[in-house]
Amino acid sequence: AESYLLNVRQPELSLAQITESALRESIGRSKMDYVITEGRGEIAIQVKGIIQEIVNNYQTGLTIFKVNIQSAKPPEAVKDAFDDVTQAREDEERFKNEAEAYRNEVIPKARGASARLREEAEAYKNEVIAKAEGEAERFNQLLAEYKKAPEITRERLYLDMMESVLSNSSKVMVDVEGGNNLLYLPLDKLMDRKTTTDEATQQKVAEDILRDIKQRGANKSNQRSNIEGLRSRGVR
């Protein structure tokens, strides 16, 4: 109290001048964007220390309890440029947040798709292996039957194959017994004659086809016999 009364004539003015000097010193050592944004609290602590040191040197008897910087603005001469920098920094932060959100969305989807593909590949592998093992087992069984009766097995395989091949065919070539000619059967046209699903009608259609086959075979055989007879008599 004695130092305050004897050494300071205008304590408020002196404190204001010391504070301004301390602010200039502290802010001059800092970056503007730091001062305006998150650095105000740290700068306030620095300014408090500088002010207390100065008033102690002048033996003013003053004690600084707290310095509070309520706001900080750039000079008018550089305000527009500083606003551009601030906007760019905010855009950068926004882009980072959007990229992080996109990353958090895409990565789980990619992991899910990858897991699904692995499961599908595993299922396909198991299916192929099971099918191959089944074919191998079928071949082994067929081989055992073939060793027991080769001729019968070959005949059965031939009939099974012909049934499989001709099941989707509407035209059949028949080797007529007693001749060297092949008989052409247009089953699609023959079956067009009867379209009902009645059992008796189906039986009649089958009989008609069989009769047609026999008739065509007989005609072909007679034609061939006549030609051979003419040749034997020297007729060309």
Protein backbone atom coordinates (compact mmCIF):
# COMPACT_ATOMS: atom_id res chain seq x y z
CA ALA A 1 0.00 0.00 0.00
CA GLU A 2 2.89 2.37 0.77
CA SER A 3 4.46 1.82 -2.66
CA TYR A 4 1.09 2.37 -4.31
CA LEU A 5 0.58 5.68 -2.50
CA LEU A 6 4.11 7.04 -2.87
CA ASN A 7 5.35 5.70 -6.22
CA VAL A 8 2.27 5.94 -8.47
CA ARG A 9 0.60 9.21 -9.32
CA GLN A 10 -1.94 7.93 -11.86
CA PRO A 11 -2.26 4.18 -11.21
CA GLU A 12 -5.10 3.52 -13.65
CA LEU A 13 -3.39 5.31 -16.54
CA SER A 14 -0.10 3.63 -15.73
CA LEU A 15 -1.77 0.22 -15.61
CA ALA A 16 -3.49 0.85 -18.96
CA GLN A 17 -0.18 1.82 -20.59
CA ILE A 18 1.60 -1.20 -19.10
CA THR A 19 -1.23 -3.49 -20.25
CA GLU A 20 -1.11 -2.12 -23.79
CA SER A 21 2.66 -2.63 -23.89
CA ALA A 22 2.32 -6.18 -22.59
CA LEU A 23 -0.35 -6.97 -25.17
CA ARG A 24 1.81 -5.66 -28.00
CA GLU A 25 4.74 -7.73 -26.82
CA SER A 26 2.76 -10.97 -26.42
CA ILE A 27 0.71 -10.63 -29.60
CA GLY A 28 3.78 -9.62 -31.58
CA ARG A 29 5.33 -13.00 -30.78
CA SER A 30 2.23 -14.96 -31.87
CA LYS A 31 0.48 -15.73 -35.13
CA MET A 32 -2.65 -13.75 -35.90
CA ASP A 33 -4.92 -16.75 -36.48
CA TYR A 34 -3.74 -18.24 -33.20
CA VAL A 35 -4.52 -14.99 -31.36
CA ILE A 36 -8.00 -14.70 -32.85
CA THR A 37 -8.99 -18.34 -32.41
CA GLU A 38 -7.79 -20.66 -29.66
CA GLY A 39 -4.81 -18.65 -28.37
CA ARG A 40 -6.60 -15.97 -26.38
CA GLY A 41 -6.47 -17.84 -23.10
CA GLU A 42 -2.75 -18.57 -23.40
CA ILE A 43 -1.98 -14.98 -24.43
CA ALA A 44 -3.97 -13.67 -21.45
CA ILE A 45 -1.75 -15.69 -19.12
CA GLN A 46 1.38 -14.34 -20.83
CA VAL A 47 0.11 -10.74 -20.63
CA LYS A 48 -0.68 -11.13 -16.92
CA GLY A 49 2.88 -12.26 -16.25
CA ILE A 50 4.39 -9.39 -18.25
CA ILE A 51 2.21 -6.78 -16.51
CA GLN A 52 3.03 -8.13 -13.06
CA GLU A 53 6.72 -8.11 -13.84
CA ILE A 54 6.61 -4.47 -15.02
CA VAL A 55 4.57 -3.16 -12.07
CA ASN A 56 6.92 -4.97 -9.70
CA ASN A 57 9.94 -3.36 -11.35
CA TYR A 58 8.39 0.09 -10.84
CA GLN A 59 7.41 -0.77 -7.26
CA THR A 60 3.82 0.28 -7.85
CA GLY A 61 2.39 -2.02 -5.20
CA LEU A 62 -0.14 -3.35 -7.73
CA THR A 63 -1.08 -7.05 -7.90
CA ILE A 64 -2.60 -8.48 -11.10
CA PHE A 65 -5.07 -11.26 -10.36
CA LYS A 66 -6.43 -12.00 -13.85
CA VAL A 67 -6.31 -10.80 -17.45
CA ASN A 68 -9.31 -11.60 -19.66
CA ILE A 69 -9.18 -11.04 -23.44
CA GLN A 70 -12.81 -10.94 -24.51
CA SER A 71 -12.32 -10.60 -28.28
CA ALA A 72 -9.59 -10.29 -30.88
CA LYS A 73 -9.94 -8.95 -34.41
CA PRO A 74 -7.46 -8.50 -37.26
CA PRO A 75 -6.58 -4.98 -38.46
CA GLU A 76 -8.89 -3.55 -41.12
CA ALA A 77 -6.03 -3.49 -43.65
CA VAL A 78 -5.72 -7.28 -43.60
CA LYS A 79 -9.27 -8.21 -42.54
CA ASP A 80 -10.40 -9.44 -46.00
CA ALA A 81 -7.31 -11.57 -46.49
CA PHE A 82 -7.64 -12.97 -43.00
CA ASP A 83 -11.32 -13.78 -43.62
CA ASP A 84 -10.31 -15.69 -46.77
CA VAL A 85 -7.76 -17.67 -44.80
CA THR A 86 -10.31 -18.38 -42.10
CA GLN A 87 -12.87 -19.53 -44.67
CA ALA A 88 -10.31 -21.77 -46.33
CA ARG A 89 -9.45 -23.30 -42.97
CA GLU A 90 -13.12 -23.92 -42.24
CA ASP A 91 -13.58 -25.51 -45.67
CA GLU A 92 -10.59 -27.72 -45.03
CA GLU A 93 -12.03 -28.86 -41.75
CA ARG A 94 -15.41 -29.51 -43.35
CA PHE A 95 -13.83 -31.54 -46.16
CA LYS A 96 -11.93 -33.59 -43.61
CA ASN A 97 -15.12 -34.31 -41.72
CA GLU A 98 -16.96 -35.27 -44.91
CA ALA A 99 -14.09 -37.52 -45.98
CA GLU A 100 -14.05 -39.18 -42.58
CA ALA A 101 -17.81 -39.73 -42.73
CA TYR A 102 -17.50 -41.21 -46.23
CA ARG A 103 -14.68 -43.45 -45.04
CA ASN A 104 -16.75 -44.68 -42.11
CA GLU A 105 -19.60 -45.45 -44.53
CA VAL A 106 -17.63 -47.12 -47.31
CA ILE A 107 -15.27 -49.31 -45.30
CA PRO A 108 -18.01 -51.31 -43.53
CA LYS A 109 -19.80 -51.83 -46.86
CA ALA A 110 -16.58 -52.98 -48.52
CA ARG A 111 -15.88 -55.36 -45.66
CA GLY A 112 -19.41 -56.74 -45.88
CA ALA A 113 -19.12 -57.23 -49.64
CA SER A 114 -15.74 -58.91 -49.19
CA ALA A 115 -17.13 -61.27 -46.57
CA ARG A 116 -20.10 -62.09 -48.81
CA LEU A 117 -17.83 -62.86 -51.77
CA ARG A 118 -15.68 -65.11 -49.60
CA GLU A 119 -18.77 -66.97 -48.42
CA GLU A 120 -20.03 -67.38 -51.99
CA ALA A 121 -16.61 -68.59 -53.14
CA GLU A 122 -16.47 -71.07 -50.27
CA ALA A 123 -19.97 -72.33 -51.09
CA TYR A 124 -19.06 -72.70 -54.77
CA LYS A 125 -15.89 -74.56 -53.86
CA ASN A 126 -17.81 -76.97 -51.65
CA GLU A 127 -20.39 -77.47 -54.40
CA VAL A 128 -17.75 -78.24 -57.03
CA ILE A 129 -15.91 -80.60 -54.70
CA ALA A 130 -19.11 -82.42 -53.78
CA LYS A 131 -20.08 -82.72 -57.45
CA ALA A 132 -16.63 -84.02 -58.39
CA GLU A 133 -16.70 -86.53 -55.55
CA GLY A 134 -20.16 -87.66 -56.66
CA GLU A 135 -19.00 -88.11 -60.26
CA ALA A 136 -15.96 -90.05 -59.06
CA GLU A 137 -18.15 -92.30 -56.92
CA ARG A 138 -20.53 -92.84 -59.84
CA PHE A 139 -17.61 -93.73 -62.11
CA ASN A 140 -16.24 -96.21 -59.57
CA GLN A 141 -19.63 -97.88 -59.30
CA LEU A 142 -19.95 -97.99 -63.07
CA LEU A 143 -16.46 -99.44 -63.38
CA ALA A 144 -17.34 -102.19 -60.94
CA GLU A 145 -20.46 -103.05 -62.96
CA TYR A 146 -18.47 -102.93 -66.20
CA LYS A 147 -15.96 -105.44 -64.86
CA LYS A 148 -18.82 -107.77 -64.02
CA ALA A 149 -20.63 -107.49 -67.38
CA PRO A 150 -18.81 -105.39 -70.01
CA GLU A 151 -21.26 -105.99 -72.89
CA ILE A 152 -24.37 -105.28 -70.86
CA THR A 153 -22.81 -102.18 -69.35
CA ARG A 154 -21.79 -100.82 -72.74
CA GLU A 155 -25.29 -101.44 -74.10
CA ARG A 156 -26.86 -99.69 -71.14
CA LEU A 157 -24.54 -96.71 -71.50
CA TYR A 158 -25.37 -96.50 -75.20
CA LEU A 159 -29.11 -96.60 -74.57
CA ASP A 160 -28.86 -94.00 -71.81
CA MET A 161 -26.88 -91.71 -74.10
CA MET A 162 -29.32 -92.14 -77.00
CA GLU A 163 -32.24 -91.43 -74.70
CA SER A 164 -30.53 -88.28 -73.50
CA VAL A 165 -29.67 -87.10 -77.01
CA LEU A 166 -33.03 -87.88 -78.63
CA SER A 167 -35.19 -86.62 -75.77
CA ASN A 168 -34.96 -83.06 -77.10
CA SER A 169 -35.10 -83.95 -80.79
CA SER A 170 -38.21 -83.76 -82.97
CA LYS A 171 -36.61 -85.71 -85.86
CA VAL A 172 -35.30 -89.28 -85.72
CA MET A 173 -33.38 -91.40 -88.25
CA VAL A 174 -34.31 -95.12 -88.03
CA ASP A 175 -32.24 -97.96 -89.50
CA VAL A 176 -34.91 -100.09 -91.21
CA GLU A 177 -34.40 -103.79 -90.65
CA GLY A 178 -33.53 -105.67 -93.81
CA GLY A 179 -32.25 -102.67 -95.73
CA ASN A 180 -29.38 -100.28 -95.92
CA ASN A 181 -31.52 -97.13 -96.00
CA LEU A 182 -32.22 -94.80 -93.10
CA LEU A 183 -35.81 -93.86 -92.42
CA TYR A 184 -36.45 -90.20 -91.57
CA LEU A 185 -39.21 -89.63 -89.01
CA PRO A 186 -40.51 -86.07 -88.60
CA LEU A 187 -41.96 -86.63 -85.13
CA ASP A 188 -42.95 -83.01 -84.76
CA LYS A 189 -45.24 -83.22 -87.79
CA LEU A 190 -46.54 -86.63 -86.86
CA MET A 191 -47.39 -85.51 -83.35
CA ASP A 192 -49.16 -82.44 -84.70
CA ARG A 193 -51.90 -84.74 -85.91
CA LYS A 194 -53.00 -85.44 -82.33
CA THR A 195 -52.83 -82.87 -79.58
CA THR A 196 -55.21 -84.28 -77.00
CA THR A 197 -53.82 -85.70 -73.77
CA ASP A 198 -56.39 -88.49 -73.50
CA GLU A 199 -54.65 -91.81 -72.84
CA ALA A 200 -56.58 -93.73 -75.49
CA THR A 201 -55.86 -91.06 -78.07
CA GLN A 202 -52.16 -91.10 -77.18
CA GLN A 203 -52.12 -94.87 -77.70
CA LYS A 204 -53.75 -94.45 -81.12
CA VAL A 205 -51.15 -91.83 -82.08
CA ALA A 206 -48.37 -94.24 -81.08
CA GLU A 207 -49.95 -97.01 -83.18
CA ASP A 208 -50.27 -94.66 -86.17
CA ILE A 209 -46.61 -93.71 -85.90
CA LEU A 210 -45.56 -97.36 -85.64
CA ARG A 211 -47.71 -98.30 -88.63
CA ASP A 212 -46.25 -95.38 -90.59
CA ILE A 213 -42.75 -96.57 -89.74
CA LYS A 214 -43.50 -100.11 -90.92
CA GLN A 215 -45.12 -98.89 -94.12
CA ARG A 216 -42.20 -96.62 -94.97
CA GLY A 217 -39.78 -99.43 -94.20
CA ALA A 218 -41.68 -101.81 -96.46
CA ASN A 219 -41.79 -99.26 -99.27
CA LYS A 220 -38.08 -98.64 -99.01
CA SER A 221 -37.36 -102.38 -98.97
CA ASN A 222 -39.60 -103.05 -102.00
CA GLN A 223 -38.02 -100.18 -103.88
CA ARG A 224 -34.56 -101.51 -103.19
CA SER A 225 -35.60 -105.08 -104.24
CA ASN A 226 -37.04 -103.80 -107.51
CA ILE A 227 -33.86 -101.88 -108.28
CA GLU A 228 -31.68 -104.92 -107.56
CA GLY A 229 -33.97 -107.12 -109.73
CA LEU A 230 -33.69 -104.75 -112.65
CA ARG A 231 -29.94 -104.63 -112.30
CA SER A 232 -29.73 -108.46 -112.25
CA ARG A 233 -31.66 -108.57 -115.58
CA GLY A 234 -29.33 -106.08 -117.13
CA VAL A 235 -31.69 -103.12 -116.97
CA ARG A 236 -29.98 -99.78 -116.35
